[in-house]
N, C-alpha and C. Protein backbone atom coordinates (compact mmCIF):
# COMPACT_ATOMS: atom_id res chain seq x y z
N MET A 1 -24.56 11.73 20.03
CA MET A 1 -23.79 11.43 18.93
C MET A 1 -24.41 10.55 17.96
N ASP A 2 -24.56 11.08 16.76
CA ASP A 2 -25.37 10.43 15.55
C ASP A 2 -24.66 8.95 15.26
N ARG A 3 -25.49 8.13 14.80
CA ARG A 3 -25.19 6.80 14.36
C ARG A 3 -24.32 6.69 13.23
N ILE A 4 -23.40 5.91 13.07
CA ILE A 4 -22.56 5.78 11.73
C ILE A 4 -23.25 4.80 10.81
N GLU A 5 -23.76 5.21 9.63
CA GLU A 5 -24.49 4.38 8.72
C GLU A 5 -23.72 4.15 7.46
N CYS A 6 -23.88 2.92 6.83
CA CYS A 6 -23.32 2.84 5.43
C CYS A 6 -24.35 2.52 4.51
N TRP A 7 -24.23 3.10 3.38
CA TRP A 7 -25.06 2.73 2.20
C TRP A 7 -24.52 2.87 0.88
N ARG A 8 -25.25 2.12 -0.06
CA ARG A 8 -24.50 2.19 -1.50
C ARG A 8 -24.71 3.59 -1.81
N ALA A 9 -23.58 3.93 -2.63
CA ALA A 9 -23.64 5.49 -3.19
C ALA A 9 -24.18 5.24 -4.57
N VAL A 10 -25.63 5.26 -4.61
CA VAL A 10 -26.11 5.09 -6.00
C VAL A 10 -26.68 6.52 -6.61
N SER A 11 -27.08 7.47 -5.79
CA SER A 11 -27.46 8.71 -6.22
C SER A 11 -26.18 9.48 -6.76
N PRO A 12 -26.36 10.44 -7.62
CA PRO A 12 -25.24 11.32 -7.94
C PRO A 12 -24.50 11.99 -6.93
N GLU A 13 -25.29 12.44 -5.83
CA GLU A 13 -24.85 13.18 -4.74
C GLU A 13 -23.97 12.28 -4.03
N ALA A 14 -24.60 11.12 -3.58
CA ALA A 14 -23.63 10.02 -2.70
C ALA A 14 -22.51 9.58 -3.47
N ARG A 15 -22.56 9.41 -4.67
CA ARG A 15 -21.39 9.07 -5.75
C ARG A 15 -20.39 10.04 -5.63
N SER A 16 -20.84 11.44 -5.71
CA SER A 16 -19.84 12.62 -5.62
C SER A 16 -19.13 12.51 -4.28
N TRP A 17 -19.86 12.28 -3.16
CA TRP A 17 -19.18 12.16 -1.78
C TRP A 17 -18.20 11.07 -1.85
N HIS A 18 -18.66 10.03 -2.38
CA HIS A 18 -17.70 8.73 -2.31
C HIS A 18 -16.26 9.14 -3.10
N MET A 19 -16.46 9.50 -4.19
CA MET A 19 -15.16 9.87 -5.14
C MET A 19 -14.60 11.19 -4.53
N ARG A 20 -15.04 12.22 -3.81
CA ARG A 20 -14.35 13.21 -3.19
C ARG A 20 -13.45 12.89 -2.05
N ILE A 21 -14.04 11.96 -1.27
CA ILE A 21 -13.38 11.30 -0.16
C ILE A 21 -12.16 10.75 -0.57
N ARG A 22 -12.46 9.60 -1.45
CA ARG A 22 -11.25 8.87 -2.06
C ARG A 22 -10.21 9.76 -2.53
N HIS A 23 -10.62 10.81 -3.28
CA HIS A 23 -9.50 11.73 -3.88
C HIS A 23 -8.73 12.54 -2.76
N ARG A 24 -9.51 12.84 -1.74
CA ARG A 24 -8.92 13.77 -0.70
C ARG A 24 -7.86 12.70 0.01
N VAL A 25 -8.11 11.39 0.25
CA VAL A 25 -7.53 10.58 1.12
C VAL A 25 -6.34 10.05 0.16
N PHE A 26 -6.55 9.47 -0.91
CA PHE A 26 -5.36 8.82 -1.54
C PHE A 26 -4.50 9.67 -2.60
N VAL A 27 -5.25 10.63 -3.13
CA VAL A 27 -4.42 11.55 -3.85
C VAL A 27 -3.86 12.75 -3.12
N GLU A 28 -4.67 13.69 -2.40
CA GLU A 28 -4.24 14.74 -1.80
C GLU A 28 -3.48 14.57 -0.40
N GLU A 29 -4.09 13.63 0.38
CA GLU A 29 -3.32 13.30 1.81
C GLU A 29 -2.12 12.32 1.59
N GLN A 30 -2.58 11.08 1.13
CA GLN A 30 -1.43 10.14 1.21
C GLN A 30 -0.58 10.36 -0.22
N ARG A 31 -0.86 10.75 -1.12
CA ARG A 31 -0.31 11.08 -2.30
C ARG A 31 0.12 9.55 -2.90
N VAL A 32 -0.77 8.66 -2.62
CA VAL A 32 -0.38 7.47 -2.98
C VAL A 32 -0.80 7.26 -4.83
N ILE A 33 -1.62 7.78 -5.20
CA ILE A 33 -2.04 7.86 -6.55
C ILE A 33 -2.09 9.29 -7.11
N PRO A 34 -1.17 9.49 -8.20
CA PRO A 34 -1.17 10.87 -8.68
C PRO A 34 -2.44 11.15 -9.48
N LEU A 35 -3.02 12.42 -9.50
CA LEU A 35 -3.89 13.02 -10.03
C LEU A 35 -5.37 12.63 -9.74
N THR A 36 -5.51 11.35 -9.89
CA THR A 36 -6.90 10.75 -9.70
C THR A 36 -6.75 9.30 -9.43
N ASP A 37 -7.65 8.61 -8.27
CA ASP A 37 -7.73 7.31 -8.17
C ASP A 37 -8.73 6.73 -9.01
N VAL A 38 -9.56 7.35 -9.69
CA VAL A 38 -10.47 6.82 -10.74
C VAL A 38 -9.89 5.75 -11.78
N ASP A 39 -10.59 4.47 -11.81
CA ASP A 39 -10.16 3.54 -12.70
C ASP A 39 -11.26 2.85 -13.43
N ASP A 40 -10.80 1.71 -14.41
CA ASP A 40 -11.88 1.07 -15.08
C ASP A 40 -12.99 0.60 -14.01
N TRP A 41 -12.65 0.17 -12.85
CA TRP A 41 -13.73 -0.52 -11.90
C TRP A 41 -14.70 0.44 -11.63
N ASP A 42 -14.41 1.74 -11.51
CA ASP A 42 -15.46 2.92 -11.44
C ASP A 42 -16.43 3.01 -12.44
N ALA A 43 -16.10 2.74 -13.69
CA ALA A 43 -17.16 2.83 -14.88
C ALA A 43 -17.86 1.52 -14.93
N ASP A 44 -17.58 0.47 -14.15
CA ASP A 44 -18.27 -0.74 -14.24
C ASP A 44 -19.69 -0.69 -13.58
N PRO A 45 -20.63 -0.86 -14.12
CA PRO A 45 -21.96 -0.83 -13.52
C PRO A 45 -22.16 -1.78 -12.37
N ASP A 46 -21.48 -2.80 -12.29
CA ASP A 46 -21.61 -3.83 -11.23
C ASP A 46 -20.86 -3.62 -9.99
N THR A 47 -19.85 -2.66 -10.15
CA THR A 47 -19.09 -2.20 -8.96
C THR A 47 -20.01 -1.37 -8.02
N ILE A 48 -19.79 -1.66 -6.49
CA ILE A 48 -20.43 -1.04 -5.73
C ILE A 48 -19.65 -0.15 -4.88
N HIS A 49 -20.14 1.12 -4.97
CA HIS A 49 -19.64 2.24 -4.28
C HIS A 49 -20.20 2.42 -2.93
N VAL A 50 -19.69 2.52 -1.82
CA VAL A 50 -20.31 2.61 -0.48
C VAL A 50 -19.73 3.89 0.08
N VAL A 51 -20.69 4.65 0.99
CA VAL A 51 -20.47 5.56 1.61
C VAL A 51 -20.75 5.43 3.13
N ALA A 52 -19.98 5.97 4.15
CA ALA A 52 -20.52 5.83 5.45
C ALA A 52 -20.60 7.36 5.88
N GLY A 53 -21.67 7.58 6.73
CA GLY A 53 -22.12 8.91 7.21
C GLY A 53 -22.30 8.96 8.62
N ARG A 54 -22.30 10.24 9.13
CA ARG A 54 -22.73 10.31 10.57
C ARG A 54 -23.70 11.73 10.56
N GLY A 55 -24.84 11.64 10.70
CA GLY A 55 -25.63 12.75 10.71
C GLY A 55 -25.68 13.17 9.07
N SER A 56 -25.26 14.40 8.93
CA SER A 56 -25.58 14.84 7.35
C SER A 56 -23.73 15.00 6.84
N GLU A 57 -22.88 14.32 7.35
CA GLU A 57 -21.65 14.22 6.99
C GLU A 57 -21.28 13.05 6.37
N ALA A 58 -20.63 13.07 5.19
CA ALA A 58 -20.04 11.77 4.55
C ALA A 58 -18.64 11.87 5.08
N ILE A 59 -18.28 10.50 5.67
CA ILE A 59 -16.97 10.50 6.44
C ILE A 59 -16.01 9.35 5.99
N GLY A 60 -16.69 8.53 5.09
CA GLY A 60 -15.75 7.36 4.68
C GLY A 60 -16.37 6.57 3.44
N THR A 61 -15.50 5.71 2.83
CA THR A 61 -15.79 5.10 1.63
C THR A 61 -15.29 3.65 1.67
N VAL A 62 -15.68 2.84 0.63
CA VAL A 62 -15.14 1.64 0.31
C VAL A 62 -15.84 1.24 -1.17
N ARG A 63 -15.18 0.54 -1.76
CA ARG A 63 -15.50 -0.03 -3.01
C ARG A 63 -15.37 -1.53 -3.12
N LEU A 64 -16.43 -2.15 -3.79
CA LEU A 64 -16.32 -3.71 -3.99
C LEU A 64 -16.72 -4.06 -5.22
N TYR A 65 -16.27 -5.23 -5.85
CA TYR A 65 -16.79 -5.81 -7.12
C TYR A 65 -16.40 -7.25 -7.11
N ARG A 66 -17.08 -7.93 -7.91
CA ARG A 66 -16.74 -9.29 -8.21
C ARG A 66 -15.66 -9.53 -9.24
N THR A 67 -14.66 -10.33 -8.82
CA THR A 67 -13.53 -10.55 -9.76
C THR A 67 -13.59 -11.81 -10.63
N ASP A 68 -14.37 -12.72 -10.40
CA ASP A 68 -14.81 -13.90 -11.11
C ASP A 68 -16.28 -14.35 -10.98
N ASP A 69 -16.44 -15.45 -11.67
CA ASP A 69 -17.69 -16.13 -11.45
C ASP A 69 -17.83 -17.04 -10.58
N ALA A 70 -16.81 -17.40 -9.81
CA ALA A 70 -16.67 -18.45 -8.85
C ALA A 70 -16.74 -17.92 -7.40
N GLY A 71 -17.31 -16.68 -7.15
CA GLY A 71 -17.71 -16.07 -5.84
C GLY A 71 -16.45 -15.26 -5.17
N ARG A 72 -15.59 -14.97 -6.08
CA ARG A 72 -14.40 -14.06 -5.53
C ARG A 72 -14.64 -12.60 -5.85
N TRP A 73 -14.47 -11.88 -4.58
CA TRP A 73 -14.84 -10.36 -4.91
C TRP A 73 -13.59 -9.62 -4.17
N LYS A 74 -13.43 -8.38 -4.44
CA LYS A 74 -12.30 -7.74 -4.04
C LYS A 74 -12.86 -6.34 -3.43
N GLY A 75 -12.35 -5.95 -2.26
CA GLY A 75 -12.54 -4.69 -1.62
C GLY A 75 -11.55 -3.78 -1.69
N ASP A 76 -11.56 -2.50 -2.18
CA ASP A 76 -10.52 -1.70 -2.19
C ASP A 76 -11.19 -0.13 -1.90
N ARG A 77 -10.22 0.69 -1.93
CA ARG A 77 -10.49 2.07 -1.85
C ARG A 77 -11.15 2.43 -0.51
N LEU A 78 -10.84 1.71 0.53
CA LEU A 78 -11.16 1.94 1.89
C LEU A 78 -10.54 3.41 2.32
N ALA A 79 -11.43 4.26 2.42
CA ALA A 79 -10.81 5.60 2.94
C ALA A 79 -11.77 6.27 4.08
N VAL A 80 -11.21 6.58 5.16
CA VAL A 80 -11.88 7.28 6.17
C VAL A 80 -11.12 8.65 6.23
N LEU A 81 -11.97 9.65 6.53
CA LEU A 81 -11.38 11.08 6.58
C LEU A 81 -10.52 11.13 7.93
N PRO A 82 -9.64 11.97 8.01
CA PRO A 82 -8.82 12.29 9.46
C PRO A 82 -9.82 12.72 10.24
N GLY A 83 -9.62 12.43 11.42
CA GLY A 83 -10.52 12.81 12.57
C GLY A 83 -11.66 11.80 12.85
N TYR A 84 -11.79 10.78 11.91
CA TYR A 84 -12.66 9.68 12.27
C TYR A 84 -12.08 8.49 12.29
N ARG A 85 -10.70 8.23 11.91
CA ARG A 85 -10.02 7.09 11.89
C ARG A 85 -10.07 6.29 13.17
N ALA A 86 -10.00 6.92 14.26
CA ALA A 86 -9.91 6.11 15.52
C ALA A 86 -11.10 5.62 16.05
N GLY A 87 -12.18 5.84 15.26
CA GLY A 87 -13.52 5.31 15.79
C GLY A 87 -13.79 3.93 14.99
N ILE A 88 -15.06 3.65 14.69
CA ILE A 88 -15.54 2.52 14.13
C ILE A 88 -16.02 2.77 12.65
N VAL A 89 -15.54 3.78 12.14
CA VAL A 89 -16.12 3.88 10.69
C VAL A 89 -15.35 2.93 9.85
N GLY A 90 -14.23 2.55 9.88
CA GLY A 90 -13.59 1.57 9.24
C GLY A 90 -14.04 0.08 9.20
N ILE A 91 -14.50 -0.10 10.47
CA ILE A 91 -15.12 -1.42 10.75
C ILE A 91 -16.53 -1.45 10.00
N ARG A 92 -17.23 -0.45 10.25
CA ARG A 92 -18.59 -0.56 9.67
C ARG A 92 -18.44 -0.67 8.30
N LEU A 93 -17.48 0.18 7.51
CA LEU A 93 -17.39 0.15 6.16
C LEU A 93 -17.05 -1.28 5.68
N VAL A 94 -16.04 -1.93 6.28
CA VAL A 94 -15.49 -3.28 6.01
C VAL A 94 -16.68 -4.42 6.27
N ARG A 95 -17.37 -4.21 7.27
CA ARG A 95 -18.38 -5.10 7.60
C ARG A 95 -19.66 -5.03 6.48
N PHE A 96 -19.83 -3.67 6.20
CA PHE A 96 -20.99 -3.42 4.91
C PHE A 96 -20.33 -4.11 3.80
N ALA A 97 -19.10 -4.04 3.38
CA ALA A 97 -18.72 -4.57 2.18
C ALA A 97 -18.85 -6.12 2.13
N VAL A 98 -18.17 -6.70 3.20
CA VAL A 98 -18.10 -8.17 3.25
C VAL A 98 -19.54 -8.77 3.29
N SER A 99 -20.68 -8.19 3.99
CA SER A 99 -21.85 -8.61 4.10
C SER A 99 -22.58 -8.42 2.83
N THR A 100 -22.27 -7.29 2.01
CA THR A 100 -22.87 -7.17 0.76
C THR A 100 -22.42 -8.24 -0.28
N ALA A 101 -21.13 -8.60 -0.12
CA ALA A 101 -20.48 -9.58 -1.08
C ALA A 101 -20.93 -10.86 -0.68
N ALA A 102 -21.15 -11.27 0.60
CA ALA A 102 -21.71 -12.66 0.99
C ALA A 102 -23.27 -12.77 0.53
N ASP A 103 -24.03 -11.75 0.70
CA ASP A 103 -25.47 -11.61 0.45
C ASP A 103 -25.51 -11.81 -1.16
N ALA A 104 -24.49 -11.52 -1.87
CA ALA A 104 -24.44 -11.65 -3.42
C ALA A 104 -24.12 -13.08 -3.77
N GLY A 105 -23.81 -13.98 -2.88
CA GLY A 105 -23.26 -15.25 -3.26
C GLY A 105 -21.71 -15.33 -3.18
N GLY A 106 -21.14 -14.39 -2.63
CA GLY A 106 -19.74 -14.46 -2.77
C GLY A 106 -19.20 -15.55 -1.61
N ASP A 107 -17.97 -16.00 -1.88
CA ASP A 107 -17.25 -17.06 -0.99
C ASP A 107 -15.97 -16.23 -0.29
N VAL A 108 -15.30 -15.47 -1.16
CA VAL A 108 -14.13 -14.87 -0.54
C VAL A 108 -13.99 -13.54 -0.91
N MET A 109 -13.56 -12.56 -0.30
CA MET A 109 -13.02 -11.28 -0.62
C MET A 109 -11.47 -11.04 -0.42
N ASP A 110 -11.04 -10.47 -1.40
CA ASP A 110 -9.64 -10.11 -1.43
C ASP A 110 -9.35 -8.64 -1.20
N ALA A 111 -8.17 -8.23 -0.68
CA ALA A 111 -7.98 -6.88 -0.57
C ALA A 111 -6.26 -6.74 -0.31
N PHE A 112 -5.71 -5.63 -0.80
CA PHE A 112 -4.48 -5.33 -0.78
C PHE A 112 -4.45 -4.23 0.35
N VAL A 113 -3.78 -4.27 1.36
CA VAL A 113 -3.86 -3.50 2.72
C VAL A 113 -2.54 -2.92 2.99
N GLN A 114 -2.47 -1.73 3.23
CA GLN A 114 -1.51 -0.83 3.62
C GLN A 114 -0.89 -1.64 4.70
N LEU A 115 0.48 -1.58 4.73
CA LEU A 115 0.94 -2.29 5.94
C LEU A 115 0.66 -1.66 7.25
N GLN A 116 0.41 -0.51 7.49
CA GLN A 116 0.07 0.11 8.72
C GLN A 116 -1.30 -0.21 9.06
N ASN A 117 -2.04 -0.98 8.24
CA ASN A 117 -3.47 -1.26 8.74
C ASN A 117 -3.85 -2.71 8.72
N VAL A 118 -2.61 -3.49 8.54
CA VAL A 118 -2.73 -5.13 8.56
C VAL A 118 -3.20 -5.33 10.02
N VAL A 119 -2.95 -4.83 11.24
CA VAL A 119 -3.46 -5.34 12.57
C VAL A 119 -4.94 -5.03 12.61
N PHE A 120 -5.52 -4.03 11.99
CA PHE A 120 -6.90 -3.57 12.00
C PHE A 120 -7.61 -4.76 11.28
N PHE A 121 -7.15 -5.20 10.11
CA PHE A 121 -7.77 -6.11 9.39
C PHE A 121 -7.68 -7.62 10.01
N GLU A 122 -6.71 -7.83 10.70
CA GLU A 122 -6.55 -9.09 11.37
C GLU A 122 -7.47 -9.14 12.52
N ARG A 123 -7.69 -8.23 13.28
CA ARG A 123 -8.69 -8.09 14.55
C ARG A 123 -10.21 -8.15 13.96
N ILE A 124 -10.33 -7.93 12.71
CA ILE A 124 -11.69 -8.17 12.16
C ILE A 124 -11.95 -9.35 11.38
N GLY A 125 -10.96 -10.29 11.59
CA GLY A 125 -11.01 -11.61 10.97
C GLY A 125 -10.46 -12.00 9.57
N TRP A 126 -9.79 -10.98 9.08
CA TRP A 126 -8.97 -11.10 7.77
C TRP A 126 -7.81 -11.91 7.94
N GLU A 127 -7.21 -12.60 6.95
CA GLU A 127 -5.98 -13.53 7.03
C GLU A 127 -5.17 -12.90 5.93
N HIS A 128 -3.84 -13.33 6.18
CA HIS A 128 -2.67 -12.98 5.15
C HIS A 128 -2.98 -13.91 4.05
N ASN A 129 -2.68 -13.41 2.89
CA ASN A 129 -2.76 -14.29 1.67
C ASN A 129 -1.56 -13.95 0.61
N GLY A 130 -0.40 -14.62 1.30
CA GLY A 130 0.91 -14.29 0.73
C GLY A 130 1.63 -13.39 1.35
N PRO A 131 2.93 -12.89 0.76
CA PRO A 131 3.78 -11.93 1.48
C PRO A 131 3.59 -10.69 0.74
N PRO A 132 3.87 -9.53 1.59
CA PRO A 132 3.69 -8.17 1.11
C PRO A 132 3.99 -8.00 -0.43
N VAL A 133 3.44 -7.16 -1.21
CA VAL A 133 3.63 -6.85 -2.58
C VAL A 133 3.61 -5.33 -2.69
N LEU A 134 4.25 -4.92 -3.85
CA LEU A 134 4.28 -3.39 -4.09
C LEU A 134 2.79 -3.24 -4.82
N TYR A 135 2.13 -2.29 -4.44
CA TYR A 135 0.79 -2.02 -5.04
C TYR A 135 0.75 -0.37 -5.12
N TYR A 136 0.61 0.23 -6.19
CA TYR A 136 0.73 1.59 -6.42
C TYR A 136 2.09 2.10 -5.81
N GLY A 137 3.08 1.38 -5.93
CA GLY A 137 4.34 1.59 -5.49
C GLY A 137 4.51 1.65 -3.88
N LEU A 138 3.61 1.24 -3.09
CA LEU A 138 3.81 1.22 -1.74
C LEU A 138 3.73 -0.50 -1.26
N PRO A 139 4.29 -0.84 -0.26
CA PRO A 139 4.20 -2.21 0.18
C PRO A 139 2.67 -2.42 0.82
N HIS A 140 2.03 -3.34 0.27
CA HIS A 140 0.65 -3.69 0.88
C HIS A 140 0.67 -5.17 1.04
N GLN A 141 -0.15 -5.58 2.02
CA GLN A 141 -0.23 -7.03 2.41
C GLN A 141 -1.49 -7.49 1.73
N PRO A 142 -1.46 -8.45 0.99
CA PRO A 142 -2.67 -9.27 0.25
C PRO A 142 -3.32 -10.11 1.57
N MET A 143 -4.65 -9.63 1.57
CA MET A 143 -5.29 -10.30 2.75
C MET A 143 -6.75 -10.97 2.04
N ILE A 144 -7.23 -11.77 2.72
CA ILE A 144 -8.37 -12.52 2.33
C ILE A 144 -9.50 -12.74 3.47
N PHE A 145 -10.64 -12.67 3.22
CA PHE A 145 -11.82 -12.94 4.12
C PHE A 145 -12.84 -13.90 3.58
N ARG A 146 -12.96 -14.90 4.46
CA ARG A 146 -13.91 -16.06 4.01
C ARG A 146 -15.35 -15.45 4.20
N LEU A 147 -16.11 -15.27 3.25
CA LEU A 147 -17.45 -14.53 3.33
C LEU A 147 -18.56 -15.29 4.11
N ALA A 148 -18.33 -16.59 4.45
CA ALA A 148 -19.19 -17.42 5.41
C ALA A 148 -19.28 -16.80 6.61
N GLU A 149 -18.21 -16.11 6.97
CA GLU A 149 -18.11 -15.41 8.52
C GLU A 149 -18.75 -14.18 8.50
N ALA A 150 -19.05 -13.58 7.22
CA ALA A 150 -19.86 -12.22 7.22
C ALA A 150 -20.86 -12.05 8.02
N ARG A 151 -21.78 -12.98 7.90
CA ARG A 151 -23.18 -12.95 8.31
C ARG A 151 -22.91 -12.82 10.03
N ARG A 152 -22.29 -13.64 10.53
CA ARG A 152 -22.00 -13.69 11.97
C ARG A 152 -21.35 -12.38 12.68
N LEU A 153 -20.57 -11.83 11.73
CA LEU A 153 -20.00 -10.45 12.23
C LEU A 153 -20.82 -9.38 12.10
N VAL A 154 -21.96 -9.34 11.14
CA VAL A 154 -22.67 -8.00 11.04
C VAL A 154 -23.98 -8.07 11.52
N GLU A 155 -24.62 -9.20 12.02
CA GLU A 155 -25.86 -9.38 12.37
C GLU A 155 -26.37 -8.27 13.37
N ALA A 156 -25.43 -8.09 14.45
CA ALA A 156 -25.69 -6.87 15.24
C ALA A 156 -25.60 -5.53 14.90
N ASP A 157 -25.07 -5.28 13.72
CA ASP A 157 -24.86 -3.96 13.11
C ASP A 157 -26.19 -3.68 12.17
N ILE A 158 -26.96 -4.57 11.81
CA ILE A 158 -27.90 -4.37 10.74
C ILE A 158 -29.11 -3.65 11.53
N PRO A 159 -29.35 -2.39 11.03
CA PRO A 159 -30.72 -1.77 11.78
C PRO A 159 -31.87 -2.48 11.59
N GLU A 160 -33.00 -2.47 12.27
CA GLU A 160 -34.10 -3.20 12.49
C GLU A 160 -34.85 -3.14 11.18
N ASP A 161 -34.79 -1.80 10.35
CA ASP A 161 -35.50 -1.75 9.05
C ASP A 161 -34.63 -2.05 7.85
N ALA A 162 -33.39 -2.20 8.08
CA ALA A 162 -32.43 -2.64 7.13
C ALA A 162 -32.32 -1.55 5.80
N HIS A 163 -32.90 -0.61 6.01
CA HIS A 163 -33.00 0.41 4.91
C HIS A 163 -32.11 1.80 5.34
N LEU A 164 -30.96 1.78 4.91
CA LEU A 164 -30.31 2.79 5.25
C LEU A 164 -30.64 4.04 4.27
N ARG A 165 -30.44 5.23 4.80
CA ARG A 165 -30.82 6.33 4.12
C ARG A 165 -29.58 7.46 3.83
N LEU A 166 -29.80 8.25 2.93
CA LEU A 166 -28.58 9.27 2.92
C LEU A 166 -28.84 10.37 4.09
N PRO A 167 -27.94 10.77 4.56
CA PRO A 167 -28.16 11.87 5.69
C PRO A 167 -28.92 12.99 5.33
N ALA A 168 -29.63 13.40 6.29
CA ALA A 168 -30.72 14.43 6.02
C ALA A 168 -29.88 15.71 5.46
N ALA A 169 -30.63 16.28 4.31
CA ALA A 169 -29.97 17.55 3.75
C ALA A 169 -30.06 18.66 4.76
N ARG A 170 -29.13 19.54 4.72
CA ARG A 170 -29.06 20.89 5.28
C ARG A 170 -29.33 22.01 4.56
N ASP A 171 -29.81 23.02 5.04
CA ASP A 171 -29.84 24.48 4.29
C ASP A 171 -28.54 24.75 3.74
N THR A 172 -27.44 24.66 4.45
CA THR A 172 -26.10 24.91 3.95
C THR A 172 -25.34 23.46 4.05
N PRO A 173 -24.37 23.39 3.30
CA PRO A 173 -23.47 22.16 3.31
C PRO A 173 -22.76 22.09 4.40
N SER A 174 -22.21 20.85 4.91
CA SER A 174 -21.41 20.75 6.13
C SER A 174 -20.20 21.50 5.72
N ALA A 175 -19.21 21.75 6.79
CA ALA A 175 -17.88 22.25 6.56
C ALA A 175 -17.11 21.41 5.81
N LEU A 176 -17.30 20.01 6.07
CA LEU A 176 -16.53 19.03 5.34
C LEU A 176 -16.59 19.04 3.84
N LEU A 177 -17.91 19.17 3.47
CA LEU A 177 -18.12 19.09 2.13
C LEU A 177 -17.73 20.58 1.40
N VAL A 178 -17.86 21.62 1.99
CA VAL A 178 -17.35 22.92 1.61
C VAL A 178 -15.90 22.95 1.24
N SER A 179 -15.19 22.26 2.34
CA SER A 179 -13.59 22.18 2.21
C SER A 179 -13.14 21.43 1.22
N MET A 180 -14.02 20.44 0.81
CA MET A 180 -13.74 19.45 -0.34
C MET A 180 -14.08 19.91 -1.67
N SER A 181 -14.83 21.07 -1.70
CA SER A 181 -15.25 21.62 -3.18
C SER A 181 -14.19 22.37 -3.78
């Protein structure tokens, strides 16, 4: 089985995978957001878009950005394709996000978490930050993560060379990418 790796989606191809996975999960599958989930944060050059892949398949995403100059970050648009949700893809994406924000000098990361995912976030060190609120018309739990904890959580997950690469190209696209076209 191929290792699950996460990387910043900076190339046009990786950014396309990122956006297509988000669209598939939030617009088509969950119908949380009508038409498109693209917003102003996607146009901000400081926003970090992340892709998780296994082999040559893109299978998950997360987005993160600084919300103030005092070290506060937000993680959102965590999306893992069906068939990969029972594994460690979500954990890898969240750990990549919090370690990236911590390495950039962040102190805390906020997120609005769909209620069915709260236990997952609690298990990986996130805390409640107030009562549930409506976010995109659905109840979400505001949660917070103290980024000082990030380095301890991710040390074992960082590869020796710490340089993640895009999955190897195929002569033909994966079935996943064809079905998303």
